[in-house]
Amino acid sequence: MSGAVDARVLRLEPELTIYSAAQLRQTLIDALVARDPLTLDLSDVCEVDSAGVQLLLAAMRHAGAQGMPLHLAGHSAAVQEAFALLGLDAQLAPRFINAN
């Protein structure tokens, strides 16, 4: 299959924590139902905890199980630090794309 597919971009709120996880979970479920390529823009995220990271990992697992591309964009310092602290930076690096 050739040709470019426009990915939908979901820009996440500045807080990716346990306090926002329930609401964001539903937003991600709704976005993943379409089964279109999806990019999560993390450039505005300034606070992230393990619940937020778990939510991202669950979304990636769900998308992968459906064979749906899911990418991450935006390398905010908070996101980089959280991934590094949890030892996920090398594992998740291939998921990051350049945000335009």
PDB file of N, CA and C in Angstrom:
ATOM      1  N   MET A   1       0.853  -1.179   0.000  1.00  0.00           N
ATOM      2  CA  MET A   1       0.000   0.000   0.000  1.00  0.00           C
ATOM      3  C   MET A   1       0.888   1.227   0.000  1.00  0.00           C
ATOM      4  N   SER A   2       0.636   2.160  -0.881  1.00  0.00           N
ATOM      5  CA  SER A   2       1.452   3.359  -0.945  1.00  0.00           C
ATOM      6  C   SER A   2       0.583   4.579  -0.693  1.00  0.00           C
ATOM      7  N   GLY A   3       1.265   5.715  -0.516  1.00  0.00           N
ATOM      8  CA  GLY A   3       0.550   6.949  -0.263  1.00  0.00           C
ATOM      9  C   GLY A   3       0.581   7.290   1.206  1.00  0.00           C
ATOM     10  N   ALA A   4       0.470   8.560   1.485  1.00  0.00           N
ATOM     11  CA  ALA A   4       0.520   9.032   2.864  1.00  0.00           C
ATOM     12  C   ALA A   4      -0.867   8.984   3.477  1.00  0.00           C
ATOM     13  N   VAL A   5      -0.898   8.615   4.725  1.00  0.00           N
ATOM     14  CA  VAL A   5      -2.148   8.606   5.478  1.00  0.00           C
ATOM     15  C   VAL A   5      -2.047   9.694   6.529  1.00  0.00           C
ATOM     16  N   ASP A   6      -2.990  10.600   6.530  1.00  0.00           N
ATOM     17  CA  ASP A   6      -2.977  11.665   7.519  1.00  0.00           C
ATOM     18  C   ASP A   6      -3.364  11.099   8.870  1.00  0.00           C
ATOM     19  N   ALA A   7      -2.479  11.247   9.815  1.00  0.00           N
ATOM     20  CA  ALA A   7      -2.754  10.772  11.168  1.00  0.00           C
ATOM     21  C   ALA A   7      -3.527  11.845  11.928  1.00  0.00           C
ATOM     22  N   ARG A   8      -4.422  11.395  12.753  1.00  0.00           N
ATOM     23  CA  ARG A   8      -5.095  12.311  13.657  1.00  0.00           C
ATOM     24  C   ARG A   8      -4.138  12.629  14.785  1.00  0.00           C
ATOM     25  N   VAL A   9      -4.182  13.850  15.270  1.00  0.00           N
ATOM     26  CA  VAL A   9      -3.314  14.271  16.363  1.00  0.00           C
ATOM     27  C   VAL A   9      -4.188  14.644  17.550  1.00  0.00           C
ATOM     28  N   LEU A  10      -3.871  14.031  18.683  1.00  0.00           N
ATOM     29  CA  LEU A  10      -4.559  14.336  19.927  1.00  0.00           C
ATOM     30  C   LEU A  10      -3.550  15.008  20.846  1.00  0.00           C
ATOM     31  N   ARG A  11      -3.756  16.286  21.089  1.00  0.00           N
ATOM     32  CA  ARG A  11      -2.839  17.063  21.939  1.00  0.00           C
ATOM     33  C   ARG A  11      -3.283  16.898  23.381  1.00  0.00           C
ATOM     34  N   LEU A  12      -2.390  16.332  24.202  1.00  0.00           N
ATOM     35  CA  LEU A  12      -2.740  16.063  25.594  1.00  0.00           C
ATOM     36  C   LEU A  12      -2.571  17.302  26.462  1.00  0.00           C
ATOM     37  N   GLU A  13      -3.362  17.360  27.499  1.00  0.00           N
ATOM     38  CA  GLU A  13      -3.352  18.467  28.451  1.00  0.00           C
ATOM     39  C   GLU A  13      -2.030  18.494  29.222  1.00  0.00           C
ATOM     40  N   PRO A  14      -1.724  19.615  29.876  1.00  0.00           N
ATOM     41  CA  PRO A  14      -0.465  19.723  30.617  1.00  0.00           C
ATOM     42  C   PRO A  14      -0.316  18.720  31.769  1.00  0.00           C
ATOM     43  N   GLU A  15      -1.417  18.251  32.315  1.00  0.00           N
ATOM     44  CA  GLU A  15      -1.335  17.325  33.445  1.00  0.00           C
ATOM     45  C   GLU A  15      -1.689  15.912  32.992  1.00  0.00           C
ATOM     46  N   LEU A  16      -0.725  15.022  33.091  1.00  0.00           N
ATOM     47  CA  LEU A  16      -0.913  13.611  32.739  1.00  0.00           C
ATOM     48  C   LEU A  16      -0.643  12.822  34.012  1.00  0.00           C
ATOM     49  N   THR A  17      -1.613  12.910  34.936  1.00  0.00           N
ATOM     50  CA  THR A  17      -1.439  12.320  36.257  1.00  0.00           C
ATOM     51  C   THR A  17      -2.667  11.514  36.647  1.00  0.00           C
ATOM     52  N   ILE A  18      -2.598  10.935  37.817  1.00  0.00           N
ATOM     53  CA  ILE A  18      -3.711  10.141  38.338  1.00  0.00           C
ATOM     54  C   ILE A  18      -4.994  10.977  38.403  1.00  0.00           C
ATOM     55  N   TYR A  19      -4.854  12.288  38.590  1.00  0.00           N
ATOM     56  CA  TYR A  19      -6.024  13.164  38.722  1.00  0.00           C
ATOM     57  C   TYR A  19      -6.733  13.395  37.391  1.00  0.00           C
ATOM     58  N   SER A  20      -6.020  13.222  36.297  1.00  0.00           N
ATOM     59  CA  SER A  20      -6.629  13.428  34.977  1.00  0.00           C
ATOM     60  C   SER A  20      -6.783  12.121  34.203  1.00  0.00           C
ATOM     61  N   ALA A  21      -6.298  11.021  34.751  1.00  0.00           N
ATOM     62  CA  ALA A  21      -6.251   9.750  34.028  1.00  0.00           C
ATOM     63  C   ALA A  21      -7.636   9.237  33.623  1.00  0.00           C
ATOM     64  N   ALA A  22      -8.620   9.330  34.497  1.00  0.00           N
ATOM     65  CA  ALA A  22      -9.947   8.802  34.175  1.00  0.00           C
ATOM     66  C   ALA A  22     -10.559   9.522  32.978  1.00  0.00           C
ATOM     67  N   GLN A  23     -10.471  10.836  32.981  1.00  0.00           N
ATOM     68  CA  GLN A  23     -11.022  11.611  31.865  1.00  0.00           C
ATOM     69  C   GLN A  23     -10.230  11.340  30.593  1.00  0.00           C
ATOM     70  N   LEU A  24      -8.914  11.316  30.702  1.00  0.00           N
ATOM     71  CA  LEU A  24      -8.076  11.073  29.531  1.00  0.00           C
ATOM     72  C   LEU A  24      -8.276   9.661  29.002  1.00  0.00           C
ATOM     73  N   ARG A  25      -8.503   8.726  29.878  1.00  0.00           N
ATOM     74  CA  ARG A  25      -8.743   7.339  29.461  1.00  0.00           C
ATOM     75  C   ARG A  25      -9.915   7.279  28.488  1.00  0.00           C
ATOM     76  N   GLN A  26     -11.006   7.953  28.828  1.00  0.00           N
ATOM     77  CA  GLN A  26     -12.174   7.943  27.949  1.00  0.00           C
ATOM     78  C   GLN A  26     -11.865   8.640  26.628  1.00  0.00           C
ATOM     79  N   THR A  27     -11.122   9.719  26.666  1.00  0.00           N
ATOM     80  CA  THR A  27     -10.738  10.424  25.445  1.00  0.00           C
ATOM     81  C   THR A  27      -9.918   9.516  24.541  1.00  0.00           C
ATOM     82  N   LEU A  28      -8.977   8.767  25.142  1.00  0.00           N
ATOM     83  CA  LEU A  28      -8.149   7.852  24.363  1.00  0.00           C
ATOM     84  C   LEU A  28      -8.973   6.701  23.789  1.00  0.00           C
ATOM     85  N   ILE A  29      -9.891   6.166  24.580  1.00  0.00           N
ATOM     86  CA  ILE A  29     -10.765   5.093  24.086  1.00  0.00           C
ATOM     87  C   ILE A  29     -11.547   5.578  22.878  1.00  0.00           C
ATOM     88  N   ASP A  30     -12.116   6.771  22.987  1.00  0.00           N
ATOM     89  CA  ASP A  30     -12.885   7.336  21.876  1.00  0.00           C
ATOM     90  C   ASP A  30     -12.007   7.525  20.644  1.00  0.00           C
ATOM     91  N   ALA A  31     -10.780   7.979  20.837  1.00  0.00           N
ATOM     92  CA  ALA A  31      -9.872   8.213  19.708  1.00  0.00           C
ATOM     93  C   ALA A  31      -9.432   6.903  19.069  1.00  0.00           C
ATOM     94  N   LEU A  32      -9.259   5.864  19.881  1.00  0.00           N
ATOM     95  CA  LEU A  32      -8.785   4.584  19.359  1.00  0.00           C
ATOM     96  C   LEU A  32      -9.879   3.778  18.664  1.00  0.00           C
ATOM     97  N   VAL A  33     -11.130   4.081  18.944  1.00  0.00           N
ATOM     98  CA  VAL A  33     -12.246   3.360  18.324  1.00  0.00           C
ATOM     99  C   VAL A  33     -12.227   3.549  16.809  1.00  0.00           C
ATOM    100  N   ALA A  34     -11.787   4.702  16.355  1.00  0.00           N
ATOM    101  CA  ALA A  34     -11.786   4.990  14.915  1.00  0.00           C
ATOM    102  C   ALA A  34     -10.796   4.124  14.152  1.00  0.00           C
ATOM    103  N   ARG A  35      -9.812   3.572  14.832  1.00  0.00           N
ATOM    104  CA  ARG A  35      -8.792   2.702  14.224  1.00  0.00           C
ATOM    105  C   ARG A  35      -8.008   3.388  13.116  1.00  0.00           C
ATOM    106  N   ASP A  36      -7.946   4.698  13.146  1.00  0.00           N
ATOM    107  CA  ASP A  36      -7.111   5.453  12.217  1.00  0.00           C
ATOM    108  C   ASP A  36      -5.763   5.698  12.874  1.00  0.00           C
ATOM    109  N   PRO A  37      -4.715   5.944  12.092  1.00  0.00           N
ATOM    110  CA  PRO A  37      -3.434   6.289  12.691  1.00  0.00           C
ATOM    111  C   PRO A  37      -3.614   7.474  13.637  1.00  0.00           C
ATOM    112  N   LEU A  38      -2.969   7.396  14.781  1.00  0.00           N
ATOM    113  CA  LEU A  38      -3.142   8.407  15.822  1.00  0.00           C
ATOM    114  C   LEU A  38      -1.786   8.819  16.356  1.00  0.00           C
ATOM    115  N   THR A  39      -1.615  10.113  16.550  1.00  0.00           N
ATOM    116  CA  THR A  39      -0.421  10.660  17.188  1.00  0.00           C
ATOM    117  C   THR A  39      -0.851  11.376  18.456  1.00  0.00           C
ATOM    118  N   LEU A  40      -0.207  11.028  19.563  1.00  0.00           N
ATOM    119  CA  LEU A  40      -0.437  11.724  20.827  1.00  0.00           C
ATOM    120  C   LEU A  40       0.640  12.778  20.970  1.00  0.00           C
ATOM    121  N   ASP A  41       0.225  14.043  20.978  1.00  0.00           N
ATOM    122  CA  ASP A  41       1.158  15.155  21.118  1.00  0.00           C
ATOM    123  C   ASP A  41       1.343  15.453  22.600  1.00  0.00           C
ATOM    124  N   LEU A  42       2.544  15.207  23.098  1.00  0.00           N
ATOM    125  CA  LEU A  42       2.856  15.374  24.516  1.00  0.00           C
ATOM    126  C   LEU A  42       3.617  16.664  24.801  1.00  0.00           C
ATOM    127  N   SER A  43       3.703  17.554  23.833  1.00  0.00           N
ATOM    128  CA  SER A  43       4.535  18.742  23.986  1.00  0.00           C
ATOM    129  C   SER A  43       4.060  19.694  25.075  1.00  0.00           C
ATOM    130  N   ASP A  44       2.776  19.685  25.413  1.00  0.00           N
ATOM    131  CA  ASP A  44       2.264  20.564  26.470  1.00  0.00           C
ATOM    132  C   ASP A  44       2.304  19.929  27.857  1.00  0.00           C
ATOM    133  N   VAL A  45       2.659  18.658  27.935  1.00  0.00           N
ATOM    134  CA  VAL A  45       2.646  17.952  29.219  1.00  0.00           C
ATOM    135  C   VAL A  45       3.780  18.470  30.089  1.00  0.00           C
ATOM    136  N   CYS A  46       3.417  19.019  31.237  1.00  0.00           N
ATOM    137  CA  CYS A  46       4.428  19.537  32.159  1.00  0.00           C
ATOM    138  C   CYS A  46       4.443  18.765  33.475  1.00  0.00           C
ATOM    139  N   GLU A  47       3.465  17.890  33.662  1.00  0.00           N
ATOM    140  CA  GLU A  47       3.427  17.049  34.862  1.00  0.00           C
ATOM    141  C   GLU A  47       2.931  15.668  34.461  1.00  0.00           C
ATOM    142  N   VAL A  48       3.710  14.647  34.816  1.00  0.00           N
ATOM    143  CA  VAL A  48       3.341  13.278  34.473  1.00  0.00           C
ATOM    144  C   VAL A  48       3.754  12.370  35.619  1.00  0.00           C
ATOM    145  N   ASP A  49       2.894  11.410  35.950  1.00  0.00           N
ATOM    146  CA  ASP A  49       3.223  10.440  36.990  1.00  0.00           C
ATOM    147  C   ASP A  49       3.047   9.036  36.434  1.00  0.00           C
ATOM    148  N   SER A  50       3.210   8.049  37.281  1.00  0.00           N
ATOM    149  CA  SER A  50       3.154   6.661  36.802  1.00  0.00           C
ATOM    150  C   SER A  50       1.776   6.299  36.253  1.00  0.00           C
ATOM    151  N   ALA A  51       0.707   6.885  36.783  1.00  0.00           N
ATOM    152  CA  ALA A  51      -0.627   6.617  36.250  1.00  0.00           C
ATOM    153  C   ALA A  51      -0.742   7.130  34.816  1.00  0.00           C
ATOM    154  N   GLY A  52      -0.165   8.281  34.547  1.00  0.00           N
ATOM    155  CA  GLY A  52      -0.177   8.816  33.186  1.00  0.00           C
ATOM    156  C   GLY A  52       0.622   7.946  32.233  1.00  0.00           C
ATOM    157  N   VAL A  53       1.776   7.487  32.682  1.00  0.00           N
ATOM    158  CA  VAL A  53       2.598   6.612  31.849  1.00  0.00           C
ATOM    159  C   VAL A  53       1.872   5.293  31.607  1.00  0.00           C
ATOM    160  N   GLN A  54       1.238   4.747  32.633  1.00  0.00           N
ATOM    161  CA  GLN A  54       0.474   3.507  32.467  1.00  0.00           C
ATOM    162  C   GLN A  54      -0.625   3.675  31.430  1.00  0.00           C
ATOM    163  N   LEU A  55      -1.273   4.816  31.445  1.00  0.00           N
ATOM    164  CA  LEU A  55      -2.329   5.091  30.480  1.00  0.00           C
ATOM    165  C   LEU A  55      -1.778   5.125  29.053  1.00  0.00           C
ATOM    166  N   LEU A  56      -0.617   5.751  28.868  1.00  0.00           N
ATOM    167  CA  LEU A  56       0.017   5.774  27.549  1.00  0.00           C
ATOM    168  C   LEU A  56       0.388   4.372  27.095  1.00  0.00           C
ATOM    169  N   LEU A  57       0.951   3.581  28.010  1.00  0.00           N
ATOM    170  CA  LEU A  57       1.330   2.208  27.660  1.00  0.00           C
ATOM    171  C   LEU A  57       0.110   1.369  27.302  1.00  0.00           C
ATOM    172  N   ALA A  58      -0.987   1.547  28.039  1.00  0.00           N
ATOM    173  CA  ALA A  58      -2.222   0.815  27.736  1.00  0.00           C
ATOM    174  C   ALA A  58      -2.753   1.207  26.360  1.00  0.00           C
ATOM    175  N   ALA A  59      -2.698   2.488  26.031  1.00  0.00           N
ATOM    176  CA  ALA A  59      -3.154   2.945  24.713  1.00  0.00           C
ATOM    177  C   ALA A  59      -2.289   2.332  23.614  1.00  0.00           C
ATOM    178  N   MET A  60      -0.973   2.266  23.844  1.00  0.00           N
ATOM    179  CA  MET A  60      -0.080   1.670  22.849  1.00  0.00           C
ATOM    180  C   MET A  60      -0.357   0.179  22.672  1.00  0.00           C
ATOM    181  N   ARG A  61      -0.598  -0.511  23.779  1.00  0.00           N
ATOM    182  CA  ARG A  61      -0.930  -1.936  23.703  1.00  0.00           C
ATOM    183  C   ARG A  61      -2.226  -2.151  22.924  1.00  0.00           C
ATOM    184  N   HIS A  62      -3.240  -1.355  23.242  1.00  0.00           N
ATOM    185  CA  HIS A  62      -4.537  -1.468  22.582  1.00  0.00           C
ATOM    186  C   HIS A  62      -4.399  -1.213  21.083  1.00  0.00           C
ATOM    187  N   ALA A  63      -3.700  -0.145  20.730  1.00  0.00           N
ATOM    188  CA  ALA A  63      -3.512   0.178  19.317  1.00  0.00           C
ATOM    189  C   ALA A  63      -2.737  -0.936  18.616  1.00  0.00           C
ATOM    190  N   GLY A  64      -1.694  -1.437  19.256  1.00  0.00           N
ATOM    191  CA  GLY A  64      -0.900  -2.511  18.672  1.00  0.00           C
ATOM    192  C   GLY A  64      -1.715  -3.770  18.442  1.00  0.00           C
ATOM    193  N   ALA A  65      -2.599  -4.092  19.381  1.00  0.00           N
ATOM    194  CA  ALA A  65      -3.445  -5.282  19.243  1.00  0.00           C
ATOM    195  C   ALA A  65      -4.396  -5.142  18.052  1.00  0.00           C
ATOM    196  N   GLN A  66      -4.740  -3.910  17.714  1.00  0.00           N
ATOM    197  CA  GLN A  66      -5.624  -3.662  16.570  1.00  0.00           C
ATOM    198  C   GLN A  66      -4.845  -3.438  15.279  1.00  0.00           C
ATOM    199  N   GLY A  67      -3.515  -3.461  15.368  1.00  0.00           N
ATOM    200  CA  GLY A  67      -2.698  -3.198  14.194  1.00  0.00           C
ATOM    201  C   GLY A  67      -2.763  -1.754  13.752  1.00  0.00           C
ATOM    202  N   MET A  68      -3.041  -0.867  14.695  1.00  0.00           N
ATOM    203  CA  MET A  68      -3.213   0.543  14.392  1.00  0.00           C
ATOM    204  C   MET A  68      -1.963   1.318  14.786  1.00  0.00           C
ATOM    205  N   PRO A  69      -1.445   2.147  13.887  1.00  0.00           N
ATOM    206  CA  PRO A  69      -0.287   2.965  14.250  1.00  0.00           C
ATOM    207  C   PRO A  69      -0.628   3.977  15.342  1.00  0.00           C
ATOM    208  N   LEU A  70       0.203   4.040  16.361  1.00  0.00           N
ATOM    209  CA  LEU A  70       0.075   5.037  17.419  1.00  0.00           C
ATOM    210  C   LEU A  70       1.463   5.585  17.680  1.00  0.00           C
ATOM    211  N   HIS A  71       1.604   6.882  17.488  1.00  0.00           N
ATOM    212  CA  HIS A  71       2.901   7.532  17.669  1.00  0.00           C
ATOM    213  C   HIS A  71       2.808   8.570  18.773  1.00  0.00           C
ATOM    214  N   LEU A  72       3.965   8.948  19.272  1.00  0.00           N
ATOM    215  CA  LEU A  72       4.080  10.007  20.264  1.00  0.00           C
ATOM    216  C   LEU A  72       4.840  11.155  19.621  1.00  0.00           C
ATOM    217  N   ALA A  73       4.436  12.357  19.940  1.00  0.00           N
ATOM    218  CA  ALA A  73       5.132  13.545  19.447  1.00  0.00           C
ATOM    219  C   ALA A  73       5.302  14.510  20.607  1.00  0.00           C
ATOM    220  N   GLY A  74       6.324  15.293  20.558  1.00  0.00           N
ATOM    221  CA  GLY A  74       6.580  16.285  21.601  1.00  0.00           C
ATOM    222  C   GLY A  74       7.404  15.698  22.723  1.00  0.00           C
ATOM    223  N   HIS A  75       8.582  16.210  22.879  1.00  0.00           N
ATOM    224  CA  HIS A  75       9.504  15.667  23.879  1.00  0.00           C
ATOM    225  C   HIS A  75       9.639  16.641  25.040  1.00  0.00           C
ATOM    226  N   SER A  76       8.547  16.904  25.740  1.00  0.00           N
ATOM    227  CA  SER A  76       8.644  17.827  26.865  1.00  0.00           C
ATOM    228  C   SER A  76       9.587  17.247  27.911  1.00  0.00           C
ATOM    229  N   ALA A  77      10.180  18.136  28.684  1.00  0.00           N
ATOM    230  CA  ALA A  77      11.131  17.708  29.719  1.00  0.00           C
ATOM    231  C   ALA A  77      10.470  16.771  30.723  1.00  0.00           C
ATOM    232  N   ALA A  78       9.214  17.028  31.069  1.00  0.00           N
ATOM    233  CA  ALA A  78       8.505  16.177  32.034  1.00  0.00           C
ATOM    234  C   ALA A  78       8.321  14.766  31.495  1.00  0.00           C
ATOM    235  N   VAL A  79       7.994  14.657  30.219  1.00  0.00           N
ATOM    236  CA  VAL A  79       7.801  13.349  29.598  1.00  0.00           C
ATOM    237  C   VAL A  79       9.128  12.600  29.539  1.00  0.00           C
ATOM    238  N   GLN A  80      10.176  13.279  29.095  1.00  0.00           N
ATOM    239  CA  GLN A  80      11.494  12.648  29.013  1.00  0.00           C
ATOM    240  C   GLN A  80      11.948  12.162  30.382  1.00  0.00           C
ATOM    241  N   GLU A  81      11.752  12.986  31.398  1.00  0.00           N
ATOM    242  CA  GLU A  81      12.174  12.623  32.752  1.00  0.00           C
ATOM    243  C   GLU A  81      11.396  11.422  33.276  1.00  0.00           C
ATOM    244  N   ALA A  82      10.096  11.411  33.076  1.00  0.00           N
ATOM    245  CA  ALA A  82       9.273  10.293  33.556  1.00  0.00           C
ATOM    246  C   ALA A  82       9.671   8.995  32.868  1.00  0.00           C
ATOM    247  N   PHE A  83       9.852   9.036  31.553  1.00  0.00           N
ATOM    248  CA  PHE A  83      10.249   7.828  30.826  1.00  0.00           C
ATOM    249  C   PHE A  83      11.619   7.347  31.287  1.00  0.00           C
ATOM    250  N   ALA A  84      12.542   8.270  31.512  1.00  0.00           N
ATOM    251  CA  ALA A  84      13.884   7.892  31.961  1.00  0.00           C
ATOM    252  C   ALA A  84      13.844   7.296  33.364  1.00  0.00           C
ATOM    253  N   LEU A  85      13.083   7.911  34.265  1.00  0.00           N
ATOM    254  CA  LEU A  85      12.985   7.406  35.639  1.00  0.00           C
ATOM    255  C   LEU A  85      12.398   5.999  35.688  1.00  0.00           C
ATOM    256  N   LEU A  86      11.499   5.707  34.776  1.00  0.00           N
ATOM    257  CA  LEU A  86      10.858   4.393  34.739  1.00  0.00           C
ATOM    258  C   LEU A  86      11.592   3.411  33.824  1.00  0.00           C
ATOM    259  N   GLY A  87      12.707   3.851  33.245  1.00  0.00           N
ATOM    260  CA  GLY A  87      13.484   2.975  32.376  1.00  0.00           C
ATOM    261  C   GLY A  87      12.804   2.671  31.052  1.00  0.00           C
ATOM    262  N   LEU A  88      11.943   3.570  30.600  1.00  0.00           N
ATOM    263  CA  LEU A  88      11.187   3.344  29.372  1.00  0.00           C
ATOM    264  C   LEU A  88      11.665   4.191  28.202  1.00  0.00           C
ATOM    265  N   ASP A  89      12.628   5.062  28.436  1.00  0.00           N
ATOM    266  CA  ASP A  89      13.029   5.988  27.385  1.00  0.00           C
ATOM    267  C   ASP A  89      13.540   5.280  26.142  1.00  0.00           C
ATOM    268  N   ALA A  90      14.381   4.279  26.279  1.00  0.00           N
ATOM    269  CA  ALA A  90      14.899   3.567  25.111  1.00  0.00           C
ATOM    270  C   ALA A  90      13.786   2.757  24.422  1.00  0.00           C
ATOM    271  N   GLN A  91      12.893   2.189  25.210  1.00  0.00           N
ATOM    272  CA  GLN A  91      11.795   1.384  24.660  1.00  0.00           C
ATOM    273  C   GLN A  91      10.804   2.251  23.895  1.00  0.00           C
ATOM    274  N   LEU A  92      10.534   3.452  24.401  1.00  0.00           N
ATOM    275  CA  LEU A  92       9.517   4.300  23.782  1.00  0.00           C
ATOM    276  C   LEU A  92      10.074   5.244  22.727  1.00  0.00           C
ATOM    277  N   ALA A  93      11.392   5.400  22.661  1.00  0.00           N
ATOM    278  CA  ALA A  93      11.997   6.313  21.687  1.00  0.00           C
ATOM    279  C   ALA A  93      11.530   6.041  20.248  1.00  0.00           C
ATOM    280  N   PRO A  94      11.415   4.788  19.819  1.00  0.00           N
ATOM    281  CA  PRO A  94      10.952   4.551  18.439  1.00  0.00           C
ATOM    282  C   PRO A  94       9.528   5.021  18.181  1.00  0.00           C
ATOM    283  N   ARG A  95       8.743   5.240  19.209  1.00  0.00           N
ATOM    284  CA  ARG A  95       7.358   5.704  19.043  1.00  0.00           C
ATOM    285  C   ARG A  95       7.289   7.200  18.756  1.00  0.00           C
ATOM    286  N   PHE A  96       8.369   7.935  19.096  1.00  0.00           N
ATOM    287  CA  PHE A  96       8.351   9.382  18.929  1.00  0.00           C
ATOM    288  C   PHE A  96       8.605   9.772  17.487  1.00  0.00           C
ATOM    289  N   ILE A  97       7.818  10.719  17.022  1.00  0.00           N
ATOM    290  CA  ILE A  97       8.012  11.289  15.699  1.00  0.00           C
ATOM    291  C   ILE A  97       8.165  12.795  15.874  1.00  0.00           C
ATOM    292  N   ASN A  98       8.645  13.466  14.863  1.00  0.00           N
ATOM    293  CA  ASN A  98       8.784  14.917  14.927  1.00  0.00           C
ATOM    294  C   ASN A  98       7.418  15.552  14.764  1.00  0.00           C
ATOM    295  N   ALA A  99       7.080  16.439  15.684  1.00  0.00           N
ATOM    296  CA  ALA A  99       5.808  17.169  15.586  1.00  0.00           C
ATOM    297  C   ALA A  99       6.006  18.360  14.652  1.00  0.00           C
ATOM    298  N   ASN A 100       5.042  18.569  13.795  1.00  0.00           N
ATOM    299  CA  ASN A 100       5.107  19.703  12.877  1.00  0.00           C
ATOM    300  C   ASN A 100       4.169  20.778  13.332  1.00  0.00           C
TER     301      ASN A 100
END
